[in-house]
Amino acid sequence: MAQFSQIATVYRITEPLADDGYEYIRQQFEIEVRIHRRCWVKDTRSPHYGKIGIVLYAGRSTSRVRVALDGQDTTLNFHPMDIGMDIPSSIPQAA
């Protein structure tokens, strides 16, 4: 452990990453997915329909959006078309 402590380095990120892994989604789906931005689940077939969460860092490259829903400890991956970045003032009930 002593050797590890001598070579370990910690970096604190103060700015958004240049490559946040969502560039593909922004280009292909024209959705402004950004880390730390609020979103909601708009897929009426999902058991999470209508829930609101925050976009997380998903890695270098992904075709899914990683979301931490409010009040849940786990993260979920959603297809870009299943989430909305503009949260409506009232969310309609699923059919």
Protein backbone atom coordinates (compact mmCIF):
# COMPACT_ATOMS: atom_id res chain seq x y z
CA MET A 1 0.00 0.00 0.00
CA ALA A 2 2.86 2.36 0.72
CA GLN A 3 4.15 1.99 -2.85
CA PHE A 4 0.68 2.59 -4.25
CA SER A 5 0.33 5.79 -2.23
CA GLN A 6 3.59 7.06 -3.69
CA ILE A 7 2.49 6.58 -7.31
CA ALA A 8 -1.27 7.24 -7.06
CA THR A 9 -2.63 10.50 -8.41
CA VAL A 10 -6.09 11.93 -7.97
CA TYR A 11 -7.67 14.37 -10.40
CA ARG A 12 -10.74 16.39 -9.55
CA ILE A 13 -12.89 17.23 -12.56
CA THR A 14 -14.16 20.81 -12.47
CA GLU A 15 -15.36 21.06 -16.07
CA PRO A 16 -17.46 18.70 -18.21
CA LEU A 17 -15.44 16.13 -20.09
CA ALA A 18 -14.72 16.99 -23.71
CA ASP A 19 -15.57 13.41 -24.74
CA ASP A 20 -18.54 12.52 -22.57
CA GLY A 21 -19.51 9.48 -24.66
CA TYR A 22 -22.80 10.95 -25.91
CA GLU A 23 -21.57 12.58 -29.13
CA TYR A 24 -22.97 9.69 -31.20
CA ILE A 25 -26.43 10.17 -29.67
CA ARG A 26 -26.33 13.94 -30.21
CA GLN A 27 -25.46 13.45 -33.88
CA GLN A 28 -27.67 10.48 -34.77
CA PHE A 29 -30.78 11.26 -32.69
CA GLU A 30 -30.43 15.05 -32.47
CA ILE A 31 -31.03 14.93 -28.71
CA GLU A 32 -29.03 17.26 -26.46
CA VAL A 33 -27.89 14.63 -23.96
CA ARG A 34 -25.40 16.12 -21.49
CA ILE A 35 -23.96 14.81 -18.23
CA HIS A 36 -25.73 16.19 -15.12
CA ARG A 37 -28.74 17.31 -17.16
CA ARG A 38 -32.23 16.40 -15.92
CA CYS A 39 -34.34 14.07 -18.05
CA TRP A 40 -37.52 12.02 -17.84
CA VAL A 41 -38.62 8.59 -19.09
CA LYS A 42 -41.13 9.16 -21.89
CA ASP A 43 -41.53 5.53 -23.05
CA THR A 44 -45.08 4.62 -21.99
CA ARG A 45 -44.21 0.90 -22.08
CA SER A 46 -41.46 1.28 -19.49
CA PRO A 47 -42.19 0.58 -15.82
CA HIS A 48 -40.25 3.79 -15.18
CA TYR A 49 -42.53 5.95 -17.35
CA GLY A 50 -42.84 9.50 -16.04
CA LYS A 51 -39.93 9.26 -13.62
CA ILE A 52 -37.33 12.00 -13.58
CA GLY A 53 -33.58 11.56 -13.19
CA ILE A 54 -30.16 12.85 -14.09
CA VAL A 55 -27.85 11.82 -16.96
CA LEU A 56 -24.59 10.19 -15.83
CA TYR A 57 -21.24 9.63 -17.51
CA ALA A 58 -21.60 6.42 -19.50
CA GLY A 59 -18.04 5.88 -20.67
CA ARG A 60 -16.13 6.76 -23.79
CA SER A 61 -18.73 5.68 -26.31
CA THR A 62 -22.26 4.44 -25.96
CA SER A 63 -25.56 4.13 -27.77
CA ARG A 64 -27.55 4.17 -24.52
CA VAL A 65 -28.11 6.94 -22.00
CA ARG A 66 -27.20 6.12 -18.39
CA VAL A 67 -29.66 7.67 -15.95
CA ALA A 68 -29.95 7.77 -12.16
CA LEU A 69 -33.64 8.16 -11.39
CA ASP A 70 -34.61 10.28 -8.40
CA GLY A 71 -34.92 8.24 -5.22
CA GLN A 72 -33.18 5.12 -6.61
CA ASP A 73 -29.70 3.83 -5.85
CA THR A 74 -29.21 1.97 -9.13
CA THR A 75 -28.55 3.39 -12.56
CA LEU A 76 -30.44 2.39 -15.69
CA ASN A 77 -29.59 2.50 -19.39
CA PHE A 78 -32.22 3.86 -21.76
CA HIS A 79 -32.49 4.06 -25.51
CA PRO A 80 -32.16 7.73 -26.53
CA MET A 81 -35.71 7.79 -27.93
CA ASP A 82 -37.11 6.56 -24.58
CA ILE A 83 -36.09 9.65 -22.64
CA GLY A 84 -36.91 13.31 -22.95
CA MET A 85 -34.56 16.14 -22.09
CA ASP A 86 -37.30 18.76 -21.73
CA ILE A 87 -39.37 17.83 -18.69
CA PRO A 88 -43.05 18.77 -19.20
CA SER A 89 -44.88 20.68 -16.50
CA SER A 90 -47.27 17.74 -16.13
CA ILE A 91 -46.61 14.22 -17.30
CA PRO A 92 -49.61 12.50 -18.93
CA GLN A 93 -50.72 9.15 -17.52
CA ALA A 94 -49.71 6.02 -19.42
CA ALA A 95 -52.51 4.32 -21.33
